[in-house]
Amino acid sequence: MSKLANSMPLVSVHGLVDNSVAGKLETHMQEPLVMKPASKRKRLGFQTLSLMTDLELALMRLEQLEQSAAAVFQDRPPTEEQEVGRLVAALHALVEQHDEAGRTIQDYVTEVGLVSLFPKAAAKLGIEDLPDVTGQDGPSTLRDHFARMSTMHQLVSIALQLKDSLRLSSHKYVAHQMALFYQCLGQAGPHFDKFRSRVELEFDAIKRASSEIPLEGPPQLTSELSNTVAELADDVVTEVLFRREILRHVSRTLAGFVQAVST
């Protein structure tokens, strides 16, 4: 055998390579090819939005603590008060340092349309001219935004559960799920009335098929009814997730703010 095959290597690489990470390849599929820096105006807008959200939630939490623990606390919980004070100071400093127009925090949040979305935070900042948010067609608050998004999430969840139920061997509970689906469509607003009418057309047949016990096996919908329910569920999911005007309608105030700071 050749001496070259038996000789010691010139350099030992033992310990220089971490075998535990060897072969792993980092991927960045969700990241853009070119990072486009946001404008100062846009960065200021979204940083203000983040702080205003934190302040609104902190004030809501503080209000609930005061109501539920009135017999225990004579004063406001100090930690919550400190957090509110910190957020107010951060908002003042942010706008003072980065707003090129030199506006106060009160003028800034009013002009970009955040007052109606965060009424408690706006009042804490000393803004006196607060809009009326009690009307049905009035501006939406942060609480309204979360409630509407929760309804949209529930609608999609029930639609997907319906499709899963159609794959089971028994369709015994499909009529019950369709009743919940119908109720949720009503809560989602008038835009979804067209889907409610489709449920009404087929509900009696679905209820009959899911309640009748066949001679053999569990109750099942006919293939035609199953296809109808699956198509209805698909259409609702598509409407919620891929129609921009739906989410814009759900969060008109928030959408208006994003448009204002992005243009």
Protein backbone atom coordinates (compact mmCIF):
# COMPACT_ATOMS: atom_id res chain seq x y z
CA MET A 1 0.00 0.00 0.00
CA SER A 2 1.23 3.47 -0.82
CA LYS A 3 2.78 5.55 1.99
CA LEU A 4 0.49 8.40 0.98
CA ALA A 5 -2.55 6.34 1.92
CA ASN A 6 -1.12 5.56 5.37
CA SER A 7 0.38 8.94 6.21
CA MET A 8 -1.16 11.39 8.65
CA PRO A 9 -3.11 14.33 7.20
CA LEU A 10 -1.34 17.66 7.05
CA VAL A 11 -4.24 19.38 8.90
CA SER A 12 -6.79 17.81 11.21
CA VAL A 13 -10.28 19.25 10.85
CA HIS A 14 -11.65 17.37 13.83
CA GLY A 15 -13.50 19.79 16.12
CA LEU A 16 -13.61 22.55 13.53
CA VAL A 17 -16.91 21.40 12.03
CA ASP A 18 -20.08 21.12 14.06
CA ASN A 19 -21.68 17.93 12.82
CA SER A 20 -24.94 18.74 14.60
CA VAL A 21 -25.67 21.53 12.15
CA ALA A 22 -23.96 20.06 9.11
CA GLY A 23 -26.28 19.59 6.20
CA LYS A 24 -28.89 22.11 7.39
CA LEU A 25 -29.78 24.76 4.86
CA GLU A 26 -31.38 28.01 5.93
CA THR A 27 -34.34 29.09 3.83
CA HIS A 28 -35.91 32.53 3.57
CA MET A 29 -38.92 31.79 1.38
CA GLN A 30 -41.21 34.27 3.14
CA GLU A 31 -38.73 37.16 2.96
CA PRO A 32 -38.62 39.61 0.05
CA LEU A 33 -35.67 39.55 -2.36
CA VAL A 34 -35.04 43.24 -1.78
CA MET A 35 -35.79 44.91 1.55
CA LYS A 36 -37.56 48.19 0.82
CA PRO A 37 -37.16 50.58 3.74
CA ALA A 38 -40.40 52.17 4.91
CA SER A 39 -40.72 55.93 4.86
CA LYS A 40 -40.34 57.89 8.09
CA ARG A 41 -44.02 58.76 7.90
CA LYS A 42 -45.04 55.11 7.64
CA ARG A 43 -42.71 53.98 10.43
CA LEU A 44 -44.02 56.72 12.71
CA GLY A 45 -47.60 55.73 11.90
CA PHE A 46 -47.21 52.06 12.68
CA GLN A 47 -45.12 52.66 15.81
CA THR A 48 -47.85 55.01 17.04
CA LEU A 49 -50.49 52.40 16.19
CA SER A 50 -48.62 49.80 18.23
CA LEU A 51 -48.29 52.07 21.27
CA MET A 52 -51.89 53.24 21.04
CA THR A 53 -53.04 49.61 20.94
CA ASP A 54 -51.01 48.81 24.05
CA LEU A 55 -52.35 51.89 25.83
CA GLU A 56 -55.97 51.15 24.95
CA LEU A 57 -55.67 47.56 26.16
CA ALA A 58 -53.88 48.67 29.34
CA LEU A 59 -56.67 51.15 30.11
CA MET A 60 -59.35 48.53 29.43
CA ARG A 61 -57.54 46.11 31.72
CA LEU A 62 -57.17 48.74 34.42
CA GLU A 63 -60.87 49.57 34.20
CA GLN A 64 -61.81 45.92 34.63
CA LEU A 65 -59.47 45.54 37.59
CA GLU A 66 -61.01 48.55 39.29
CA GLN A 67 -64.53 47.17 38.81
CA SER A 68 -63.76 43.60 39.90
CA ALA A 69 -61.47 44.44 42.84
CA ALA A 70 -63.08 47.58 44.22
CA ALA A 71 -63.44 45.97 47.64
CA VAL A 72 -59.75 45.02 47.78
CA PHE A 73 -57.92 48.00 46.25
CA GLN A 74 -58.50 51.44 47.68
CA ASP A 75 -56.35 52.92 44.92
CA ARG A 76 -55.57 51.86 41.39
CA PRO A 77 -53.16 48.92 40.98
CA PRO A 78 -49.71 50.57 40.89
CA THR A 79 -48.19 48.32 38.23
CA GLU A 80 -50.98 49.04 35.77
CA GLU A 81 -50.77 52.76 36.46
CA GLN A 82 -47.03 52.69 35.83
CA GLU A 83 -47.55 50.89 32.52
CA VAL A 84 -50.12 53.46 31.42
CA GLY A 85 -47.75 56.28 32.35
CA ARG A 86 -44.89 54.65 30.48
CA LEU A 87 -46.97 54.28 27.31
CA VAL A 88 -48.21 57.88 27.45
CA ALA A 89 -44.64 59.15 27.83
CA ALA A 90 -43.46 56.93 24.96
CA LEU A 91 -46.16 58.30 22.65
CA HIS A 92 -45.27 61.90 23.47
CA ALA A 93 -41.55 61.21 22.86
CA LEU A 94 -42.16 59.30 19.64
CA VAL A 95 -44.17 62.02 17.91
CA GLU A 96 -41.99 64.81 19.29
CA GLN A 97 -38.84 63.21 17.90
CA HIS A 98 -40.04 61.82 14.57
CA ASP A 99 -42.97 63.90 13.29
CA GLU A 100 -41.54 66.15 10.61
CA ALA A 101 -44.56 68.47 10.83
CA GLY A 102 -43.82 69.17 14.49
CA ARG A 103 -47.31 68.24 15.70
CA THR A 104 -48.24 67.32 19.24
CA ILE A 105 -49.33 63.78 19.99
CA GLN A 106 -52.92 65.03 20.32
CA ASP A 107 -52.90 66.69 16.90
CA TYR A 108 -51.12 63.74 15.27
CA VAL A 109 -53.47 60.96 16.39
CA THR A 110 -56.45 63.15 15.51
CA GLU A 111 -55.24 63.89 11.99
CA VAL A 112 -54.33 60.28 11.14
CA GLY A 113 -57.69 58.99 12.39
CA LEU A 114 -56.74 57.02 15.51
CA VAL A 115 -59.00 58.84 17.96
CA SER A 116 -62.15 56.86 17.15
CA LEU A 117 -60.25 53.56 17.10
CA PHE A 118 -58.74 54.16 20.55
CA PRO A 119 -61.19 56.35 22.50
CA LYS A 120 -59.82 55.50 25.95
CA ALA A 121 -56.22 56.12 24.89
CA ALA A 122 -57.23 59.39 23.19
CA ALA A 123 -58.98 60.59 26.36
CA LYS A 124 -55.91 59.66 28.41
CA LEU A 125 -53.77 61.77 26.08
CA GLY A 126 -56.00 64.76 26.82
CA ILE A 127 -58.06 64.85 23.63
CA GLU A 128 -61.44 66.32 24.54
CA ASP A 129 -63.28 66.29 21.21
CA LEU A 130 -63.98 62.55 21.02
CA PRO A 131 -66.31 61.21 18.28
CA ASP A 132 -69.50 59.34 19.13
CA VAL A 133 -68.73 55.64 18.65
CA THR A 134 -72.05 54.32 19.97
CA GLY A 135 -73.91 54.48 16.66
CA GLN A 136 -74.17 51.44 14.42
CA ASP A 137 -72.76 53.30 11.41
CA GLY A 138 -70.27 55.34 13.40
CA PRO A 139 -66.51 54.84 13.54
CA SER A 140 -65.36 51.51 14.98
CA THR A 141 -63.27 51.16 18.11
CA LEU A 142 -60.54 48.64 18.82
CA ARG A 143 -63.08 46.48 20.68
CA ASP A 144 -65.37 46.55 17.62
CA HIS A 145 -62.47 45.53 15.40
CA PHE A 146 -61.63 42.52 17.56
CA ALA A 147 -65.31 41.50 17.75
CA ARG A 148 -65.75 41.61 13.97
CA MET A 149 -62.52 39.76 13.30
CA SER A 150 -63.64 37.13 15.83
CA THR A 151 -66.90 36.70 13.90
CA MET A 152 -64.99 36.25 10.63
CA HIS A 153 -62.71 33.69 12.28
CA GLN A 154 -65.71 31.78 13.65
CA LEU A 155 -67.36 31.80 10.22
CA VAL A 156 -64.31 30.29 8.54
CA SER A 157 -63.87 27.73 11.33
CA ILE A 158 -67.46 26.45 11.06
CA ALA A 159 -67.19 26.28 7.26
CA LEU A 160 -64.04 24.15 7.50
CA GLN A 161 -65.63 21.95 10.17
CA LEU A 162 -68.58 21.37 7.85
CA LYS A 163 -66.26 20.14 5.12
CA ASP A 164 -64.52 17.82 7.58
CA SER A 165 -67.87 16.42 8.72
CA LEU A 166 -68.80 15.54 5.15
CA ARG A 167 -65.78 13.21 5.01
CA LEU A 168 -67.04 11.18 7.98
CA SER A 169 -69.05 8.00 7.59
CA SER A 170 -71.96 9.52 9.56
CA HIS A 171 -73.61 12.86 8.76
CA LYS A 172 -75.80 12.81 11.86
CA TYR A 173 -74.66 16.25 13.11
CA VAL A 174 -74.41 18.11 9.80
CA ALA A 175 -77.86 19.69 10.24
CA HIS A 176 -76.82 21.00 13.67
CA GLN A 177 -73.63 22.47 12.19
CA MET A 178 -75.63 24.07 9.39
CA ALA A 179 -77.86 25.76 12.00
CA LEU A 180 -74.78 27.21 13.72
CA PHE A 181 -73.41 28.22 10.32
CA TYR A 182 -76.66 30.03 9.52
CA GLN A 183 -76.58 31.87 12.84
CA CYS A 184 -72.97 32.96 12.34
CA LEU A 185 -73.75 34.19 8.82
CA GLY A 186 -76.41 36.42 10.34
CA GLN A 187 -73.91 37.87 12.80
CA ALA A 188 -71.44 38.56 9.99
CA GLY A 189 -73.63 41.27 8.48
CA PRO A 190 -75.85 41.90 5.45
CA HIS A 191 -73.07 41.12 2.99
CA PHE A 192 -73.50 37.43 3.84
CA ASP A 193 -77.28 37.33 3.37
CA LYS A 194 -76.80 35.66 -0.01
CA PHE A 195 -75.24 32.67 1.76
CA ARG A 196 -78.03 32.57 4.35
CA SER A 197 -80.57 32.21 1.54
CA ARG A 198 -78.60 29.27 0.15
CA VAL A 199 -78.69 27.58 3.56
CA GLU A 200 -82.45 28.15 3.77
CA LEU A 201 -82.99 26.47 0.40
CA GLU A 202 -81.27 23.24 1.42
CA PHE A 203 -81.72 23.08 5.19
CA ASP A 204 -84.92 21.00 5.25
CA ALA A 205 -83.42 18.39 2.94
CA ILE A 206 -80.21 18.31 5.00
CA LYS A 207 -82.13 17.95 8.26
CA ARG A 208 -84.24 15.14 6.84
CA ALA A 209 -81.24 13.27 5.44
CA SER A 210 -79.20 13.58 8.63
CA SER A 211 -82.04 12.53 10.96
CA GLU A 212 -83.45 9.57 9.05
CA ILE A 213 -81.89 6.25 10.00
CA PRO A 214 -81.26 4.08 6.92
CA LEU A 215 -81.68 0.32 6.82
CA GLU A 216 -77.93 -0.11 6.78
CA GLY A 217 -75.18 2.11 8.15
CA PRO A 218 -75.32 5.61 9.67
CA PRO A 219 -77.31 8.52 8.19
CA GLN A 220 -75.64 10.19 5.24
CA LEU A 221 -76.39 13.05 2.90
CA THR A 222 -76.78 12.29 -0.75
CA SER A 223 -73.81 13.05 -2.94
CA GLU A 224 -75.70 15.99 -4.42
CA LEU A 225 -76.41 17.49 -1.00
CA SER A 226 -72.84 16.87 0.14
CA ASN A 227 -71.52 18.71 -2.91
CA THR A 228 -73.92 21.58 -2.28
CA VAL A 229 -72.79 21.97 1.35
CA ALA A 230 -69.11 21.69 0.42
CA GLU A 231 -69.50 24.31 -2.31
CA LEU A 232 -71.29 26.66 0.10
CA ALA A 233 -68.51 26.26 2.68
CA ASP A 234 -65.83 26.91 0.04
CA ASP A 235 -67.62 30.04 -1.18
CA VAL A 236 -67.87 31.50 2.34
CA VAL A 237 -64.19 30.83 3.09
CA THR A 238 -63.21 32.44 -0.22
CA GLU A 239 -65.44 35.44 0.49
CA VAL A 240 -63.91 36.05 3.92
CA LEU A 241 -60.25 35.42 3.13
CA PHE A 242 -59.83 36.64 -0.45
CA ARG A 243 -62.28 39.51 -0.89
CA ARG A 244 -60.49 42.65 0.18
CA GLU A 245 -63.65 44.67 0.63
CA ILE A 246 -64.82 42.28 3.35
CA LEU A 247 -61.86 42.96 5.63
CA ARG A 248 -61.94 46.63 4.72
CA HIS A 249 -65.59 46.80 5.75
CA VAL A 250 -64.85 44.92 8.96
CA SER A 251 -62.12 47.41 9.90
CA ARG A 252 -62.98 50.61 8.06
CA THR A 253 -61.28 52.86 10.59
CA LEU A 254 -58.09 50.80 10.66
CA ALA A 255 -58.02 50.53 6.88
CA GLY A 256 -58.40 54.32 6.61
CA PHE A 257 -55.45 54.84 8.95
CA VAL A 258 -53.21 52.45 6.97
CA GLN A 259 -54.13 54.28 3.78
CA ALA A 260 -53.39 57.64 5.38
CA VAL A 261 -49.88 56.79 6.59
CA SER A 262 -48.93 54.79 3.47
CA THR A 263 -49.61 57.44 0.84
